[in-house]
C-alpha atoms as a PDB file:
ATOM      1  CA  UNK A   1     -47.876  45.538   6.622  1.00  0.00           C
ATOM      2  CA  UNK A   2     -50.043  44.756   3.599  1.00  0.00           C
ATOM      3  CA  UNK A   3     -49.566  41.886   1.144  1.00  0.00           C
ATOM      4  CA  UNK A   4     -47.524  43.912  -1.357  1.00  0.00           C
ATOM      5  CA  UNK A   5     -45.119  45.123   1.316  1.00  0.00           C
ATOM      6  CA  UNK A   6     -44.815  41.590   2.664  1.00  0.00           C
ATOM      7  CA  UNK A   7     -44.031  40.323  -0.827  1.00  0.00           C
ATOM      8  CA  UNK A   8     -41.368  42.961  -1.444  1.00  0.00           C
ATOM      9  CA  UNK A   9     -39.631  42.315   1.885  1.00  0.00           C
ATOM     10  CA  UNK A  10     -39.440  38.517   1.464  1.00  0.00           C
ATOM     11  CA  UNK A  11     -39.281  38.146  -2.341  1.00  0.00           C
ATOM     12  CA  UNK A  12     -35.497  37.529  -2.530  1.00  0.00           C
ATOM     13  CA  UNK A  13     -35.637  34.494  -0.231  1.00  0.00           C
ATOM     14  CA  UNK A  14     -38.655  33.049  -2.023  1.00  0.00           C
ATOM     15  CA  UNK A  15     -37.019  33.395  -5.422  1.00  0.00           C
ATOM     16  CA  UNK A  16     -33.786  31.866  -4.121  1.00  0.00           C
ATOM     17  CA  UNK A  17     -35.702  28.869  -2.753  1.00  0.00           C
ATOM     18  CA  UNK A  18     -37.582  28.505  -6.046  1.00  0.00           C
ATOM     19  CA  UNK A  19     -34.276  28.502  -7.960  1.00  0.00           C
ATOM     20  CA  UNK A  20     -32.782  25.809  -5.711  1.00  0.00           C
ATOM     21  CA  UNK A  21     -35.929  23.704  -6.050  1.00  0.00           C
ATOM     22  CA  UNK A  22     -35.788  23.977  -9.833  1.00  0.00           C
ATOM     23  CA  UNK A  23     -32.187  22.748  -9.850  1.00  0.00           C
ATOM     24  CA  UNK A  24     -32.886  19.861  -7.477  1.00  0.00           C
ATOM     25  CA  UNK A  25     -36.115  18.681  -9.100  1.00  0.00           C
ATOM     26  CA  UNK A  26     -34.505  15.671 -10.800  1.00  0.00           C
ATOM     27  CA  UNK A  27     -31.847  14.946  -8.191  1.00  0.00           C
ATOM     28  CA  UNK A  28     -31.038  16.810  -5.007  1.00  0.00           C
ATOM     29  CA  UNK A  29     -27.471  15.572  -5.434  1.00  0.00           C
ATOM     30  CA  UNK A  30     -26.960  18.285  -8.046  1.00  0.00           C
ATOM     31  CA  UNK A  31     -26.710  20.830  -5.220  1.00  0.00           C
ATOM     32  CA  UNK A  32     -23.612  21.421  -3.135  1.00  0.00           C
ATOM     33  CA  UNK A  33     -23.772  20.640   0.617  1.00  0.00           C
ATOM     34  CA  UNK A  34     -23.971  24.377   1.387  1.00  0.00           C
ATOM     35  CA  UNK A  35     -26.834  24.816  -1.074  1.00  0.00           C
ATOM     36  CA  UNK A  36     -28.730  21.886   0.448  1.00  0.00           C
ATOM     37  CA  UNK A  37     -28.295  23.448   3.884  1.00  0.00           C
ATOM     38  CA  UNK A  38     -29.452  26.821   2.562  1.00  0.00           C
ATOM     39  CA  UNK A  39     -32.474  25.238   0.908  1.00  0.00           C
ATOM     40  CA  UNK A  40     -33.518  23.690   4.213  1.00  0.00           C
ATOM     41  CA  UNK A  41     -33.173  27.022   6.016  1.00  0.00           C
ATOM     42  CA  UNK A  42     -35.138  28.851   3.324  1.00  0.00           C
ATOM     43  CA  UNK A  43     -37.857  26.197   3.369  1.00  0.00           C
ATOM     44  CA  UNK A  44     -38.365  26.644   7.120  1.00  0.00           C
ATOM     45  CA  UNK A  45     -38.485  30.427   6.683  1.00  0.00           C
ATOM     46  CA  UNK A  46     -41.026  30.171   3.865  1.00  0.00           C
ATOM     47  CA  UNK A  47     -43.292  27.892   5.921  1.00  0.00           C
ATOM     48  CA  UNK A  48     -43.311  30.622   8.576  1.00  0.00           C
ATOM     49  CA  UNK A  49     -44.100  33.197   5.887  1.00  0.00           C
ATOM     50  CA  UNK A  50     -46.983  31.019   4.713  1.00  0.00           C
ATOM     51  CA  UNK A  51     -48.415  30.917   8.233  1.00  0.00           C
ATOM     52  CA  UNK A  52     -48.286  34.721   8.369  1.00  0.00           C
ATOM     53  CA  UNK A  53     -49.887  35.062   4.928  1.00  0.00           C
ATOM     54  CA  UNK A  54     -52.702  32.635   5.767  1.00  0.00           C
ATOM     55  CA  UNK A  55     -53.479  34.639   8.898  1.00  0.00           C
ATOM     56  CA  UNK A  56     -53.176  38.177   7.511  1.00  0.00           C
ATOM     57  CA  UNK A  57     -54.330  37.882   3.858  1.00  0.00           C
ATOM     58  CA  UNK A  58     -55.639  34.360   3.249  1.00  0.00           C
ATOM     59  CA  UNK A  59     -57.247  35.128  -0.134  1.00  0.00           C
ATOM     60  CA  UNK A  60     -54.380  37.084  -1.659  1.00  0.00           C
ATOM     61  CA  UNK A  61     -52.375  35.615  -4.540  1.00  0.00           C
ATOM     62  CA  UNK A  62     -49.176  35.799  -2.465  1.00  0.00           C
ATOM     63  CA  UNK A  63     -50.676  33.173  -0.151  1.00  0.00           C
ATOM     64  CA  UNK A  64     -51.436  30.926  -3.119  1.00  0.00           C
ATOM     65  CA  UNK A  65     -47.856  31.351  -4.355  1.00  0.00           C
ATOM     66  CA  UNK A  66     -46.416  30.474  -0.939  1.00  0.00           C
ATOM     67  CA  UNK A  67     -48.665  27.409  -0.717  1.00  0.00           C
ATOM     68  CA  UNK A  68     -47.280  26.156  -4.009  1.00  0.00           C
ATOM     69  CA  UNK A  69     -43.683  26.965  -3.025  1.00  0.00           C
ATOM     70  CA  UNK A  70     -43.965  25.112   0.288  1.00  0.00           C
ATOM     71  CA  UNK A  71     -45.544  22.119  -1.459  1.00  0.00           C
ATOM     72  CA  UNK A  72     -42.651  22.008  -3.936  1.00  0.00           C
ATOM     73  CA  UNK A  73     -40.120  22.260  -1.121  1.00  0.00           C
ATOM     74  CA  UNK A  74     -41.767  19.469   0.831  1.00  0.00           C
ATOM     75  CA  UNK A  75     -41.786  17.210  -2.235  1.00  0.00           C
ATOM     76  CA  UNK A  76     -38.058  17.717  -2.774  1.00  0.00           C
ATOM     77  CA  UNK A  77     -36.845  17.670   0.826  1.00  0.00           C
ATOM     78  CA  UNK A  78     -38.960  14.797   2.118  1.00  0.00           C
ATOM     79  CA  UNK A  79     -39.201  12.462  -0.831  1.00  0.00           C
ATOM     80  CA  UNK A  80     -37.577   9.041  -0.398  1.00  0.00           C
ATOM     81  CA  UNK A  81     -34.587   9.257  -2.702  1.00  0.00           C
ATOM     82  CA  UNK A  82     -34.191   6.250  -5.021  1.00  0.00           C
ATOM     83  CA  UNK A  83     -30.921   4.386  -5.184  1.00  0.00           C
ATOM     84  CA  UNK A  84     -29.019   6.731  -7.450  1.00  0.00           C
ATOM     85  CA  UNK A  85     -26.950   5.525 -10.346  1.00  0.00           C
ATOM     86  CA  UNK A  86     -23.880   7.136  -8.836  1.00  0.00           C
ATOM     87  CA  UNK A  87     -24.340   5.104  -5.636  1.00  0.00           C
ATOM     88  CA  UNK A  88     -24.428   1.898  -7.656  1.00  0.00           C
ATOM     89  CA  UNK A  89     -21.416   3.070  -9.648  1.00  0.00           C
ATOM     90  CA  UNK A  90     -19.482   3.825  -6.465  1.00  0.00           C
ATOM     91  CA  UNK A  91     -20.337   0.409  -5.029  1.00  0.00           C
ATOM     92  CA  UNK A  92     -19.035  -1.331  -8.150  1.00  0.00           C
ATOM     93  CA  UNK A  93     -15.977   0.863  -8.658  1.00  0.00           C
ATOM     94  CA  UNK A  94     -14.905   1.430  -5.058  1.00  0.00           C
ATOM     95  CA  UNK A  95     -16.805  -0.237  -2.225  1.00  0.00           C
ATOM     96  CA  UNK A  96     -16.848  -3.872  -3.351  1.00  0.00           C
ATOM     97  CA  UNK A  97     -13.230  -4.227  -4.567  1.00  0.00           C
ATOM     98  CA  UNK A  98     -11.933  -2.386  -1.510  1.00  0.00           C
ATOM     99  CA  UNK A  99     -13.873  -4.680   0.803  1.00  0.00           C
ATOM    100  CA  UNK A 100     -12.468  -7.688  -1.061  1.00  0.00           C
ATOM    101  CA  UNK A 101      -8.926  -6.462  -0.402  1.00  0.00           C
ATOM    102  CA  UNK A 102      -9.642  -5.424   3.190  1.00  0.00           C
ATOM    103  CA  UNK A 103     -10.866  -8.939   4.045  1.00  0.00           C
ATOM    104  CA  UNK A 104      -7.998 -10.800   2.367  1.00  0.00           C
ATOM    105  CA  UNK A 105      -7.383 -13.109   5.337  1.00  0.00           C
ATOM    106  CA  UNK A 106     -10.937 -14.440   5.142  1.00  0.00           C
ATOM    107  CA  UNK A 107     -10.657 -14.635   1.349  1.00  0.00           C
ATOM    108  CA  UNK A 108      -7.482 -16.720   1.623  1.00  0.00           C
ATOM    109  CA  UNK A 109      -9.057 -19.012   4.221  1.00  0.00           C
ATOM    110  CA  UNK A 110     -12.092 -19.561   1.996  1.00  0.00           C
ATOM    111  CA  UNK A 111      -9.862 -20.303  -1.016  1.00  0.00           C
ATOM    112  CA  UNK A 112      -7.980 -22.949   0.963  1.00  0.00           C
ATOM    113  CA  UNK A 113     -11.207 -24.532   2.253  1.00  0.00           C
ATOM    114  CA  UNK A 114     -12.470 -24.752  -1.329  1.00  0.00           C
ATOM    115  CA  UNK A 115      -9.386 -25.703  -3.328  1.00  0.00           C
ATOM    116  CA  UNK A 116      -7.375 -27.943  -0.979  1.00  0.00           C
ATOM    117  CA  UNK A 117     -10.192 -30.549  -0.773  1.00  0.00           C
ATOM    118  CA  UNK A 118     -10.649 -30.187  -4.538  1.00  0.00           C
ATOM    119  CA  UNK A 119      -6.975 -30.923  -5.167  1.00  0.00           C
ATOM    120  CA  UNK A 120      -6.873 -33.886  -2.772  1.00  0.00           C
ATOM    121  CA  UNK A 121     -10.115 -35.404  -4.091  1.00  0.00           C
ATOM    122  CA  UNK A 122      -9.011 -34.932  -7.690  1.00  0.00           C
ATOM    123  CA  UNK A 123      -5.642 -36.616  -7.174  1.00  0.00           C
ATOM    124  CA  UNK A 124      -7.143 -39.448  -5.139  1.00  0.00           C
ATOM    125  CA  UNK A 125      -9.908 -40.334  -7.593  1.00  0.00           C
ATOM    126  CA  UNK A 126      -7.574 -40.088 -10.542  1.00  0.00           C
ATOM    127  CA  UNK A 127      -5.380 -42.626  -8.755  1.00  0.00           C
ATOM    128  CA  UNK A 128      -8.063 -44.781  -7.081  1.00  0.00           C
ATOM    129  CA  UNK A 129     -11.252 -44.593  -9.120  1.00  0.00           C
ATOM    130  CA  UNK A 130     -12.992 -47.054  -6.804  1.00  0.00           C
ATOM    131  CA  UNK A 131     -13.336 -44.307  -4.194  1.00  0.00           C
ATOM    132  CA  UNK A 132     -15.918 -42.667  -6.446  1.00  0.00           C
ATOM    133  CA  UNK A 133     -18.541 -45.090  -5.121  1.00  0.00           C
ATOM    134  CA  UNK A 134     -18.578 -43.402  -1.739  1.00  0.00           C
ATOM    135  CA  UNK A 135     -17.035 -39.982  -2.396  1.00  0.00           C
ATOM    136  CA  UNK A 136     -19.351 -38.849  -5.198  1.00  0.00           C
ATOM    137  CA  UNK A 137     -22.998 -37.916  -4.538  1.00  0.00           C
ATOM    138  CA  UNK A 138     -25.558 -40.398  -5.860  1.00  0.00           C
ATOM    139  CA  UNK A 139     -26.642 -38.037  -8.649  1.00  0.00           C
ATOM    140  CA  UNK A 140     -23.080 -37.810  -9.936  1.00  0.00           C
ATOM    141  CA  UNK A 141     -22.464 -41.555  -9.549  1.00  0.00           C
ATOM    142  CA  UNK A 142     -25.252 -42.169 -12.060  1.00  0.00           C
ATOM    143  CA  UNK A 143     -23.110 -40.383 -14.649  1.00  0.00           C
ATOM    144  CA  UNK A 144     -20.130 -42.725 -14.212  1.00  0.00           C
ATOM    145  CA  UNK A 145     -21.163 -45.141 -17.006  1.00  0.00           C
ATOM    146  CA  UNK A 146     -21.349 -42.193 -19.408  1.00  0.00           C
ATOM    147  CA  UNK A 147     -17.917 -40.943 -18.327  1.00  0.00           C
ATOM    148  CA  UNK A 148     -16.456 -44.430 -18.701  1.00  0.00           C
ATOM    149  CA  UNK A 149     -17.569 -44.290 -22.346  1.00  0.00           C
ATOM    150  CA  UNK A 150     -15.726 -40.945 -22.569  1.00  0.00           C
ATOM    151  CA  UNK A 151     -18.943 -38.992 -22.916  1.00  0.00           C
ATOM    152  CA  UNK A 152     -19.976 -35.951 -20.906  1.00  0.00           C
ATOM    153  CA  UNK A 153     -23.300 -34.526 -19.768  1.00  0.00           C
ATOM    154  CA  UNK A 154     -22.467 -30.930 -20.624  1.00  0.00           C
ATOM    155  CA  UNK A 155     -24.330 -30.620 -23.930  1.00  0.00           C
ATOM    156  CA  UNK A 156     -27.427 -28.472 -23.430  1.00  0.00           C
ATOM    157  CA  UNK A 157     -30.040 -28.388 -26.230  1.00  0.00           C
ATOM    158  CA  UNK A 158     -30.424 -24.927 -27.737  1.00  0.00           C
ATOM    159  CA  UNK A 159     -34.113 -24.703 -26.822  1.00  0.00           C
ATOM    160  CA  UNK A 160     -33.333 -25.410 -23.160  1.00  0.00           C
ATOM    161  CA  UNK A 161     -30.471 -22.954 -22.759  1.00  0.00           C
ATOM    162  CA  UNK A 162     -32.505 -19.940 -21.526  1.00  0.00           C
ATOM    163  CA  UNK A 163     -34.178 -22.108 -18.864  1.00  0.00           C
ATOM    164  CA  UNK A 164     -30.892 -23.779 -17.987  1.00  0.00           C
ATOM    165  CA  UNK A 165     -29.110 -20.445 -17.686  1.00  0.00           C
ATOM    166  CA  UNK A 166     -31.781 -19.182 -15.285  1.00  0.00           C
ATOM    167  CA  UNK A 167     -31.610 -22.406 -13.273  1.00  0.00           C
ATOM    168  CA  UNK A 168     -27.814 -22.187 -13.066  1.00  0.00           C
ATOM    169  CA  UNK A 169     -27.932 -18.556 -11.913  1.00  0.00           C
ATOM    170  CA  UNK A 170     -30.508 -19.384  -9.254  1.00  0.00           C
ATOM    171  CA  UNK A 171     -28.595 -22.417  -8.021  1.00  0.00           C
ATOM    172  CA  UNK A 172     -25.282 -20.573  -7.837  1.00  0.00           C
ATOM    173  CA  UNK A 173     -26.877 -17.649  -6.025  1.00  0.00           C
ATOM    174  CA  UNK A 174     -28.435 -20.114  -3.574  1.00  0.00           C
ATOM    175  CA  UNK A 175     -25.019 -21.666  -2.872  1.00  0.00           C
ATOM    176  CA  UNK A 176     -23.478 -18.209  -2.359  1.00  0.00           C
ATOM    177  CA  UNK A 177     -26.269 -17.028  -0.055  1.00  0.00           C
ATOM    178  CA  UNK A 178     -26.045 -20.274   1.947  1.00  0.00           C
ATOM    179  CA  UNK A 179     -22.303 -19.768   2.386  1.00  0.00           C
ATOM    180  CA  UNK A 180     -22.979 -16.189   3.500  1.00  0.00           C
ATOM    181  CA  UNK A 181     -25.841 -17.022   5.873  1.00  0.00           C
ATOM    182  CA  UNK A 182     -23.829 -19.926   7.269  1.00  0.00           C
ATOM    183  CA  UNK A 183     -21.833 -17.358   9.188  1.00  0.00           C
ATOM    184  CA  UNK A 184     -24.706 -17.231  11.682  1.00  0.00           C
ATOM    185  CA  UNK A 185     -23.869 -20.828  12.662  1.00  0.00           C
ATOM    186  CA  UNK A 186     -20.457 -19.588  13.826  1.00  0.00           C
ATOM    187  CA  UNK A 187     -19.224 -20.369  10.326  1.00  0.00           C
ATOM    188  CA  UNK A 188     -19.859 -24.123  10.508  1.00  0.00           C
ATOM    189  CA  UNK A 189     -22.356 -24.193   7.638  1.00  0.00           C
ATOM    190  CA  UNK A 190     -20.073 -21.939   5.600  1.00  0.00           C
ATOM    191  CA  UNK A 191     -17.163 -24.331   6.097  1.00  0.00           C
ATOM    192  CA  UNK A 192     -19.390 -27.245   5.068  1.00  0.00           C
ATOM    193  CA  UNK A 193     -20.492 -25.468   1.866  1.00  0.00           C
ATOM    194  CA  UNK A 194     -16.895 -24.703   0.895  1.00  0.00           C
ATOM    195  CA  UNK A 195     -15.628 -28.204   1.702  1.00  0.00           C
ATOM    196  CA  UNK A 196     -18.531 -29.922  -0.065  1.00  0.00           C
ATOM    197  CA  UNK A 197     -18.217 -27.863  -3.231  1.00  0.00           C
ATOM    198  CA  UNK A 198     -14.456 -28.293  -3.209  1.00  0.00           C
ATOM    199  CA  UNK A 199     -14.720 -32.068  -2.819  1.00  0.00           C
ATOM    200  CA  UNK A 200     -17.361 -32.261  -5.549  1.00  0.00           C
ATOM    201  CA  UNK A 201     -15.273 -30.188  -7.946  1.00  0.00           C
ATOM    202  CA  UNK A 202     -12.167 -32.248  -7.264  1.00  0.00           C
ATOM    203  CA  UNK A 203     -13.982 -35.570  -7.453  1.00  0.00           C
ATOM    204  CA  UNK A 204     -15.571 -34.815 -10.819  1.00  0.00           C
ATOM    205  CA  UNK A 205     -12.241 -33.524 -12.125  1.00  0.00           C
ATOM    206  CA  UNK A 206     -10.451 -36.645 -10.894  1.00  0.00           C
ATOM    207  CA  UNK A 207     -12.983 -39.034 -12.430  1.00  0.00           C
ATOM    208  CA  UNK A 208     -12.977 -37.308 -15.815  1.00  0.00           C
ATOM    209  CA  UNK A 209      -9.177 -37.159 -15.794  1.00  0.00           C
ATOM    210  CA  UNK A 210      -9.023 -40.885 -15.009  1.00  0.00           C
ATOM    211  CA  UNK A 211     -11.124 -41.646 -18.086  1.00  0.00           C
ATOM    212  CA  UNK A 212      -9.217 -39.142 -20.268  1.00  0.00           C
ATOM    213  CA  UNK A 213     -12.033 -36.631 -20.677  1.00  0.00           C
ATOM    214  CA  UNK A 214     -10.672 -34.074 -18.222  1.00  0.00           C
ATOM    215  CA  UNK A 215      -9.752 -31.610 -20.963  1.00  0.00           C
ATOM    216  CA  UNK A 216     -13.243 -31.815 -22.433  1.00  0.00           C
ATOM    217  CA  UNK A 217     -14.742 -31.141 -19.009  1.00  0.00           C
ATOM    218  CA  UNK A 218     -12.550 -28.124 -18.406  1.00  0.00           C
ATOM    219  CA  UNK A 219     -13.230 -26.806 -21.883  1.00  0.00           C
ATOM    220  CA  UNK A 220     -16.839 -26.631 -20.734  1.00  0.00           C
ATOM    221  CA  UNK A 221     -16.024 -25.283 -17.256  1.00  0.00           C
ATOM    222  CA  UNK A 222     -13.316 -22.732 -18.022  1.00  0.00           C
ATOM    223  CA  UNK A 223     -15.600 -20.126 -19.612  1.00  0.00           C
ATOM    224  CA  UNK A 224     -17.661 -19.565 -16.484  1.00  0.00           C
ATOM    225  CA  UNK A 225     -15.605 -21.390 -13.875  1.00  0.00           C
ATOM    226  CA  UNK A 226     -13.202 -18.621 -12.893  1.00  0.00           C
ATOM    227  CA  UNK A 227     -16.031 -16.212 -12.079  1.00  0.00           C
ATOM    228  CA  UNK A 228     -18.136 -18.895 -10.427  1.00  0.00           C
ATOM    229  CA  UNK A 229     -15.421 -20.271  -8.145  1.00  0.00           C
ATOM    230  CA  UNK A 230     -14.301 -16.766  -7.222  1.00  0.00           C
ATOM    231  CA  UNK A 231     -17.780 -15.720  -6.161  1.00  0.00           C
ATOM    232  CA  UNK A 232     -18.256 -18.906  -4.148  1.00  0.00           C
ATOM    233  CA  UNK A 233     -15.142 -18.295  -2.095  1.00  0.00           C
ATOM    234  CA  UNK A 234     -15.955 -14.573  -1.699  1.00  0.00           C
ATOM    235  CA  UNK A 235     -19.387 -15.560  -0.377  1.00  0.00           C
ATOM    236  CA  UNK A 236     -17.657 -18.087   1.857  1.00  0.00           C
ATOM    237  CA  UNK A 237     -15.338 -15.369   3.146  1.00  0.00           C
ATOM    238  CA  UNK A 238     -18.355 -13.250   4.077  1.00  0.00           C
ATOM    239  CA  UNK A 239     -19.763 -16.142   6.115  1.00  0.00           C
ATOM    240  CA  UNK A 240     -16.413 -16.860   7.768  1.00  0.00           C
ATOM    241  CA  UNK A 241     -16.146 -13.201   8.746  1.00  0.00           C
ATOM    242  CA  UNK A 242     -19.486 -13.312  10.561  1.00  0.00           C
ATOM    243  CA  UNK A 243     -18.633 -16.654  12.115  1.00  0.00           C
ATOM    244  CA  UNK A 244     -15.356 -15.279  13.440  1.00  0.00           C
ATOM    245  CA  UNK A 245     -17.187 -12.295  14.962  1.00  0.00           C
ATOM    246  CA  UNK A 246     -19.356 -14.739  16.911  1.00  0.00           C
ATOM    247  CA  UNK A 247     -16.411 -16.866  18.051  1.00  0.00           C
ATOM    248  CA  UNK A 248     -13.970 -14.037  18.725  1.00  0.00           C
ATOM    249  CA  UNK A 249     -15.765 -10.705  19.246  1.00  0.00           C
ATOM    250  CA  UNK A 250     -12.654  -9.100  20.733  1.00  0.00           C
ATOM    251  CA  UNK A 251     -13.331  -6.027  22.848  1.00  0.00           C
ATOM    252  CA  UNK A 252     -16.866  -5.653  21.487  1.00  0.00           C
ATOM    253  CA  UNK A 253     -20.044  -7.267  22.701  1.00  0.00           C
ATOM    254  CA  UNK A 254     -20.786 -10.314  20.567  1.00  0.00           C
ATOM    255  CA  UNK A 255     -23.902  -8.705  19.116  1.00  0.00           C
ATOM    256  CA  UNK A 256     -22.025  -5.536  18.156  1.00  0.00           C
ATOM    257  CA  UNK A 257     -19.150  -7.495  16.636  1.00  0.00           C
ATOM    258  CA  UNK A 258     -21.584  -9.568  14.577  1.00  0.00           C
ATOM    259  CA  UNK A 259     -23.436  -6.451  13.413  1.00  0.00           C
ATOM    260  CA  UNK A 260     -20.209  -4.839  12.224  1.00  0.00           C
ATOM    261  CA  UNK A 261     -19.090  -8.022  10.477  1.00  0.00           C
ATOM    262  CA  UNK A 262     -22.514  -8.475   8.858  1.00  0.00           C
ATOM    263  CA  UNK A 263     -22.367  -4.974   7.356  1.00  0.00           C
ATOM    264  CA  UNK A 264     -19.045  -5.796   5.722  1.00  0.00           C
ATOM    265  CA  UNK A 265     -20.264  -9.236   4.684  1.00  0.00           C
ATOM    266  CA  UNK A 266     -23.322  -7.759   2.958  1.00  0.00           C
ATOM    267  CA  UNK A 267     -20.990  -5.710   0.750  1.00  0.00           C
ATOM    268  CA  UNK A 268     -19.210  -8.899  -0.323  1.00  0.00           C
ATOM    269  CA  UNK A 269     -22.348 -10.919  -1.030  1.00  0.00           C
ATOM    270  CA  UNK A 270     -23.883  -7.929  -2.804  1.00  0.00           C
ATOM    271  CA  UNK A 271     -20.936  -7.857  -5.175  1.00  0.00           C
ATOM    272  CA  UNK A 272     -21.213 -11.601  -5.782  1.00  0.00           C
ATOM    273  CA  UNK A 273     -24.762 -11.589  -7.142  1.00  0.00           C
ATOM    274  CA  UNK A 274     -24.110  -9.752 -10.452  1.00  0.00           C
ATOM    275  CA  UNK A 275     -20.959 -11.826 -10.974  1.00  0.00           C
ATOM    276  CA  UNK A 276     -22.995 -15.019 -10.602  1.00  0.00           C
ATOM    277  CA  UNK A 277     -25.528 -13.726 -13.117  1.00  0.00           C
ATOM    278  CA  UNK A 278     -22.686 -13.217 -15.603  1.00  0.00           C
ATOM    279  CA  UNK A 279     -21.334 -16.702 -14.864  1.00  0.00           C
ATOM    280  CA  UNK A 280     -24.805 -18.206 -15.346  1.00  0.00           C
ATOM    281  CA  UNK A 281     -25.216 -16.534 -18.730  1.00  0.00           C
ATOM    282  CA  UNK A 282     -21.828 -17.836 -19.894  1.00  0.00           C
ATOM    283  CA  UNK A 283     -22.557 -21.320 -18.556  1.00  0.00           C
ATOM    284  CA  UNK A 284     -25.960 -21.452 -20.196  1.00  0.00           C
ATOM    285  CA  UNK A 285     -25.122 -20.031 -23.612  1.00  0.00           C
ATOM    286  CA  UNK A 286     -21.367 -20.137 -24.302  1.00  0.00           C
ATOM    287  CA  UNK A 287     -19.950 -23.104 -22.387  1.00  0.00           C
ATOM    288  CA  UNK A 288     -22.206 -25.789 -23.987  1.00  0.00           C
ATOM    289  CA  UNK A 289     -22.214 -24.276 -27.478  1.00  0.00           C
ATOM    290  CA  UNK A 290     -20.485 -26.713 -29.828  1.00  0.00           C
ATOM    291  CA  UNK A 291     -20.273 -24.045 -32.539  1.00  0.00           C
ATOM    292  CA  UNK A 292     -17.867 -21.994 -30.441  1.00  0.00           C
ATOM    293  CA  UNK A 293     -14.257 -23.154 -30.932  1.00  0.00           C
ATOM    294  CA  UNK A 294     -12.393 -24.661 -27.983  1.00  0.00           C
ATOM    295  CA  UNK A 295      -9.776 -21.907 -28.148  1.00  0.00           C
ATOM    296  CA  UNK A 296     -12.472 -19.248 -27.850  1.00  0.00           C
ATOM    297  CA  UNK A 297     -13.954 -20.887 -24.741  1.00  0.00           C
ATOM    298  CA  UNK A 298     -10.536 -20.993 -23.098  1.00  0.00           C
ATOM    299  CA  UNK A 299      -9.920 -17.395 -24.140  1.00  0.00           C
ATOM    300  CA  UNK A 300     -13.235 -16.374 -22.564  1.00  0.00           C
ATOM    301  CA  UNK A 301     -12.309 -18.097 -19.304  1.00  0.00           C
ATOM    302  CA  UNK A 302      -8.780 -16.720 -19.143  1.00  0.00           C
ATOM    303  CA  UNK A 303      -9.893 -13.276 -20.275  1.00  0.00           C
ATOM    304  CA  UNK A 304     -12.703 -13.000 -17.741  1.00  0.00           C
ATOM    305  CA  UNK A 305     -10.311 -14.211 -15.041  1.00  0.00           C
ATOM    306  CA  UNK A 306      -7.742 -11.534 -15.871  1.00  0.00           C
ATOM    307  CA  UNK A 307     -10.373  -8.807 -15.976  1.00  0.00           C
ATOM    308  CA  UNK A 308     -12.020 -10.000 -12.751  1.00  0.00           C
ATOM    309  CA  UNK A 309      -8.826 -10.144 -10.708  1.00  0.00           C
ATOM    310  CA  UNK A 310      -7.502  -6.891 -12.151  1.00  0.00           C
ATOM    311  CA  UNK A 311     -10.776  -5.345 -10.992  1.00  0.00           C
ATOM    312  CA  UNK A 312     -10.724  -6.940  -7.530  1.00  0.00           C
ATOM    313  CA  UNK A 313      -7.061  -6.202  -6.846  1.00  0.00           C
ATOM    314  CA  UNK A 314      -6.563  -2.841  -8.552  1.00  0.00           C
ATOM    315  CA  UNK A 315      -9.889  -0.972  -8.791  1.00  0.00           C
ATOM    316  CA  UNK A 316      -9.770   2.374  -6.916  1.00  0.00           C
ATOM    317  CA  UNK A 317      -6.489   1.414  -5.258  1.00  0.00           C
ATOM    318  CA  UNK A 318      -5.140   4.937  -5.725  1.00  0.00           C
ATOM    319  CA  UNK A 319      -8.368   6.674  -4.801  1.00  0.00           C
ATOM    320  CA  UNK A 320      -8.571   8.577  -1.470  1.00  0.00           C
ATOM    321  CA  UNK A 321      -9.286   6.296   1.481  1.00  0.00           C
ATOM    322  CA  UNK A 322      -7.458   3.195   0.200  1.00  0.00           C
END
């Protein structure tokens, strides 16, 4: 068989592979599963054809063509595929909200660990302000004279808002990641993070309410607070889930149970990060802005809360697999 005969006998497969490669150049996901399978089979056949061509007619143009075709096939089939936009879209639309609903027991536990101490601390300090001396952290105690004069610390100079927003995002993400990673301590660190933040929230609320500046505080907090508190307890739920896998692995080996729980927990903490970025932007630019009316700040907080919980509770509920 000469080169021309070889070309005529194998041309259909080569052209079919070239067509599939053209269509998959930007994204192999454009092909159907059957087409991807066919492309792999054709690629293996063409590599065999190239070996024959290199042996029988190494200087013929058909060998050059096959070299180029195999190189194109290798580039498409063996490239490391970037995280596609559709994968990110699916995570946001389906994976994260479904995981939130699937782990509702841990979510509820985290909510109680965060809000029950907040409620108790708030009521107690509103009633007995003297407890602030030992319940509040030292940094917050230094603000008591200002609060007694019915002033708050929430005004952020315009020039400092970009820096402050970045600092707030970073701090909130650190709290969330600590709550998540605390699961590796059998959940003890996670519980501490939730209790501490709950007590701090309640204590500050109680003190400001005692001195009649509670509404002013919550006018500042409401814009970003719903998102922020939600992400903190979701991160806490992810840590509690891993902690429970360590304490009660069930029928699995402890390592396997922890691995499975960690995979689910990573979905939760992954969904928290962009939410905390949004909360940080609101807290840095909208919450302290005196030019924004009080009603607008409350509308932002209530509106973001409605949208967030509609998303968490309803997104992809009717999609297959729910």
